[in-house]
Amino acid sequence: MFLIDDLLLMPIDGMKFVFRTLARIAEEQYTDDGPIKERLLELQVQLESGEISEEEYVALEAGILRDLREVQNRKREMAGLEREEAQGPYTGKVGEGSGASVHLGWREGKKD
């Protein structure tokens, strides 16, 4: 009897496995910031080689950084944390083991 049950449920179990695998892969791609960081590096290379001007670089960089912030917010939401909103044109963060990164700028509501 158990053999028959296993044979009858095999297609359902197989589909469950496929859907779980697809969900895991989609989640990884949804929160992968690697391609965005690669775009930023490519943009820096274009600036250094003279392919784009400083003004074009600033405009394109803002869009890339916005995309990167969105991916980081997705990760925070999936971890059950609140979204981190932009506090101005310049922000900074200190990550464990990554050292300190200081960006000069202003934060809304605070005067330096």
C-alpha atoms as a PDB file:
ATOM      1  CA  MET A   1       0.000   0.000   0.000  1.00  0.00           C
ATOM      2  CA  PHE A   2       2.825   2.415   0.797  1.00  0.00           C
ATOM      3  CA  LEU A   3       4.466   1.735  -2.550  1.00  0.00           C
ATOM      4  CA  ILE A   4       1.275   2.680  -4.370  1.00  0.00           C
ATOM      5  CA  ASP A   5       0.956   5.866  -2.290  1.00  0.00           C
ATOM      6  CA  ASP A   6       4.553   6.783  -3.082  1.00  0.00           C
ATOM      7  CA  LEU A   7       4.003   6.207  -6.797  1.00  0.00           C
ATOM      8  CA  LEU A   8       0.829   8.282  -6.822  1.00  0.00           C
ATOM      9  CA  LEU A   9       2.398  11.179  -4.896  1.00  0.00           C
ATOM     10  CA  MET A  10       5.683  11.182  -6.831  1.00  0.00           C
ATOM     11  CA  PRO A  11       4.531  13.718  -9.478  1.00  0.00           C
ATOM     12  CA  ILE A  12       3.280  16.081  -6.761  1.00  0.00           C
ATOM     13  CA  ASP A  13       6.524  15.809  -4.789  1.00  0.00           C
ATOM     14  CA  GLY A  14       8.495  16.429  -7.973  1.00  0.00           C
ATOM     15  CA  MET A  15       6.502  19.563  -8.743  1.00  0.00           C
ATOM     16  CA  LYS A  16       6.992  20.807  -5.173  1.00  0.00           C
ATOM     17  CA  PHE A  17      10.745  20.375  -5.592  1.00  0.00           C
ATOM     18  CA  VAL A  18      10.715  22.267  -8.912  1.00  0.00           C
ATOM     19  CA  PHE A  19       8.687  25.161  -7.466  1.00  0.00           C
ATOM     20  CA  ARG A  20      10.881  25.404  -4.359  1.00  0.00           C
ATOM     21  CA  THR A  21      13.982  25.465  -6.551  1.00  0.00           C
ATOM     22  CA  LEU A  22      12.510  28.133  -8.829  1.00  0.00           C
ATOM     23  CA  ALA A  23      11.487  30.250  -5.833  1.00  0.00           C
ATOM     24  CA  ARG A  24      14.995  29.998  -4.344  1.00  0.00           C
ATOM     25  CA  ILE A  25      16.674  30.981  -7.617  1.00  0.00           C
ATOM     26  CA  ALA A  26      14.265  33.887  -8.171  1.00  0.00           C
ATOM     27  CA  GLU A  27      14.930  35.135  -4.632  1.00  0.00           C
ATOM     28  CA  GLU A  28      18.689  34.966  -5.183  1.00  0.00           C
ATOM     29  CA  GLN A  29      18.431  36.949  -8.410  1.00  0.00           C
ATOM     30  CA  TYR A  30      16.033  39.447  -6.821  1.00  0.00           C
ATOM     31  CA  THR A  31      18.553  40.221  -4.078  1.00  0.00           C
ATOM     32  CA  ASP A  32      21.794  39.881  -6.071  1.00  0.00           C
ATOM     33  CA  ASP A  33      23.677  43.160  -6.135  1.00  0.00           C
ATOM     34  CA  GLY A  34      26.640  41.773  -8.093  1.00  0.00           C
ATOM     35  CA  PRO A  35      25.451  42.899 -11.564  1.00  0.00           C
ATOM     36  CA  ILE A  36      24.702  46.388 -10.223  1.00  0.00           C
ATOM     37  CA  LYS A  37      28.188  46.674  -8.743  1.00  0.00           C
ATOM     38  CA  GLU A  38      29.628  45.508 -12.067  1.00  0.00           C
ATOM     39  CA  ARG A  39      27.701  48.272 -13.854  1.00  0.00           C
ATOM     40  CA  LEU A  40      29.188  50.796 -11.439  1.00  0.00           C
ATOM     41  CA  LEU A  41      32.715  49.522 -12.101  1.00  0.00           C
ATOM     42  CA  GLU A  42      32.126  49.627 -15.864  1.00  0.00           C
ATOM     43  CA  LEU A  43      30.890  53.186 -15.524  1.00  0.00           C
ATOM     44  CA  GLN A  44      34.044  54.167 -13.619  1.00  0.00           C
ATOM     45  CA  VAL A  45      36.199  52.602 -16.334  1.00  0.00           C
ATOM     46  CA  GLN A  46      34.286  54.553 -18.987  1.00  0.00           C
ATOM     47  CA  LEU A  47      34.896  57.774 -17.065  1.00  0.00           C
ATOM     48  CA  GLU A  48      38.603  57.078 -16.654  1.00  0.00           C
ATOM     49  CA  SER A  49      39.012  56.176 -20.333  1.00  0.00           C
ATOM     50  CA  GLY A  50      37.233  59.355 -21.404  1.00  0.00           C
ATOM     51  CA  GLU A  51      34.269  57.615 -23.050  1.00  0.00           C
ATOM     52  CA  ILE A  52      31.829  59.643 -20.935  1.00  0.00           C
ATOM     53  CA  SER A  53      32.000  63.077 -19.333  1.00  0.00           C
ATOM     54  CA  GLU A  54      31.904  63.842 -15.620  1.00  0.00           C
ATOM     55  CA  GLU A  55      28.305  65.083 -15.917  1.00  0.00           C
ATOM     56  CA  GLU A  56      27.167  61.887 -17.655  1.00  0.00           C
ATOM     57  CA  TYR A  57      28.978  59.851 -15.024  1.00  0.00           C
ATOM     58  CA  VAL A  58      27.230  61.630 -12.151  1.00  0.00           C
ATOM     59  CA  ALA A  59      23.799  61.180 -13.740  1.00  0.00           C
ATOM     60  CA  LEU A  60      24.332  57.485 -14.520  1.00  0.00           C
ATOM     61  CA  GLU A  61      25.951  56.813 -11.157  1.00  0.00           C
ATOM     62  CA  ALA A  62      22.914  58.213  -9.331  1.00  0.00           C
ATOM     63  CA  GLY A  63      20.662  55.721 -11.108  1.00  0.00           C
ATOM     64  CA  ILE A  64      22.974  52.809 -10.359  1.00  0.00           C
ATOM     65  CA  LEU A  65      23.269  53.768  -6.693  1.00  0.00           C
ATOM     66  CA  ARG A  66      19.466  54.055  -6.516  1.00  0.00           C
ATOM     67  CA  ASP A  67      19.184  50.499  -7.891  1.00  0.00           C
ATOM     68  CA  LEU A  68      21.787  49.277  -5.397  1.00  0.00           C
ATOM     69  CA  ARG A  69      19.911  50.899  -2.499  1.00  0.00           C
ATOM     70  CA  GLU A  70      16.692  49.206  -3.678  1.00  0.00           C
ATOM     71  CA  VAL A  71      18.359  45.772  -3.639  1.00  0.00           C
ATOM     72  CA  GLN A  72      19.715  46.450  -0.156  1.00  0.00           C
ATOM     73  CA  ASN A  73      16.224  47.438   0.979  1.00  0.00           C
ATOM     74  CA  ARG A  74      14.831  44.188  -0.465  1.00  0.00           C
ATOM     75  CA  LYS A  75      17.380  42.263   1.578  1.00  0.00           C
ATOM     76  CA  ARG A  76      16.430  44.234   4.701  1.00  0.00           C
ATOM     77  CA  GLU A  77      12.727  43.560   4.153  1.00  0.00           C
ATOM     78  CA  MET A  78      13.348  39.848   3.649  1.00  0.00           C
ATOM     79  CA  ALA A  79      15.292  39.834   6.928  1.00  0.00           C
ATOM     80  CA  GLY A  80      12.342  41.480   8.683  1.00  0.00           C
ATOM     81  CA  LEU A  81      13.977  44.897   9.056  1.00  0.00           C
ATOM     82  CA  GLU A  82      12.629  48.280   8.054  1.00  0.00           C
ATOM     83  CA  ARG A  83      13.541  49.906   4.765  1.00  0.00           C
ATOM     84  CA  GLU A  84      16.406  52.355   4.908  1.00  0.00           C
ATOM     85  CA  GLU A  85      15.414  55.582   3.210  1.00  0.00           C
ATOM     86  CA  ALA A  86      17.902  57.914   1.590  1.00  0.00           C
ATOM     87  CA  GLN A  87      18.835  60.719   3.930  1.00  0.00           C
ATOM     88  CA  GLY A  88      20.281  63.058   1.373  1.00  0.00           C
ATOM     89  CA  PRO A  89      22.578  63.023  -1.616  1.00  0.00           C
ATOM     90  CA  TYR A  90      25.420  61.545   0.424  1.00  0.00           C
ATOM     91  CA  THR A  91      25.282  58.638   2.820  1.00  0.00           C
ATOM     92  CA  GLY A  92      27.767  56.365   4.493  1.00  0.00           C
ATOM     93  CA  LYS A  93      27.836  53.049   6.235  1.00  0.00           C
ATOM     94  CA  VAL A  94      30.216  51.089   8.396  1.00  0.00           C
ATOM     95  CA  GLY A  95      30.033  47.353   7.865  1.00  0.00           C
ATOM     96  CA  GLU A  96      31.569  44.738  10.074  1.00  0.00           C
ATOM     97  CA  GLY A  97      35.044  43.938   8.831  1.00  0.00           C
ATOM     98  CA  SER A  98      34.802  46.382   5.949  1.00  0.00           C
ATOM     99  CA  GLY A  99      36.347  49.379   7.650  1.00  0.00           C
ATOM    100  CA  ALA A 100      34.859  52.829   7.815  1.00  0.00           C
ATOM    101  CA  SER A 101      33.521  54.721   4.837  1.00  0.00           C
ATOM    102  CA  VAL A 102      32.959  58.424   5.275  1.00  0.00           C
ATOM    103  CA  HIS A 103      30.945  60.498   2.837  1.00  0.00           C
ATOM    104  CA  LEU A 104      30.653  64.219   3.363  1.00  0.00           C
ATOM    105  CA  GLY A 105      27.206  65.655   2.925  1.00  0.00           C
ATOM    106  CA  TRP A 106      24.091  66.612   4.747  1.00  0.00           C
ATOM    107  CA  ARG A 107      21.405  64.632   6.468  1.00  0.00           C
ATOM    108  CA  GLU A 108      17.855  65.869   6.554  1.00  0.00           C
ATOM    109  CA  GLY A 109      16.950  67.305   9.951  1.00  0.00           C
ATOM    110  CA  LYS A 110      20.571  67.672  11.098  1.00  0.00           C
ATOM    111  CA  LYS A 111      22.959  70.523  10.588  1.00  0.00           C
ATOM    112  CA  ASP A 112      26.693  69.892  10.499  1.00  0.00           C
END
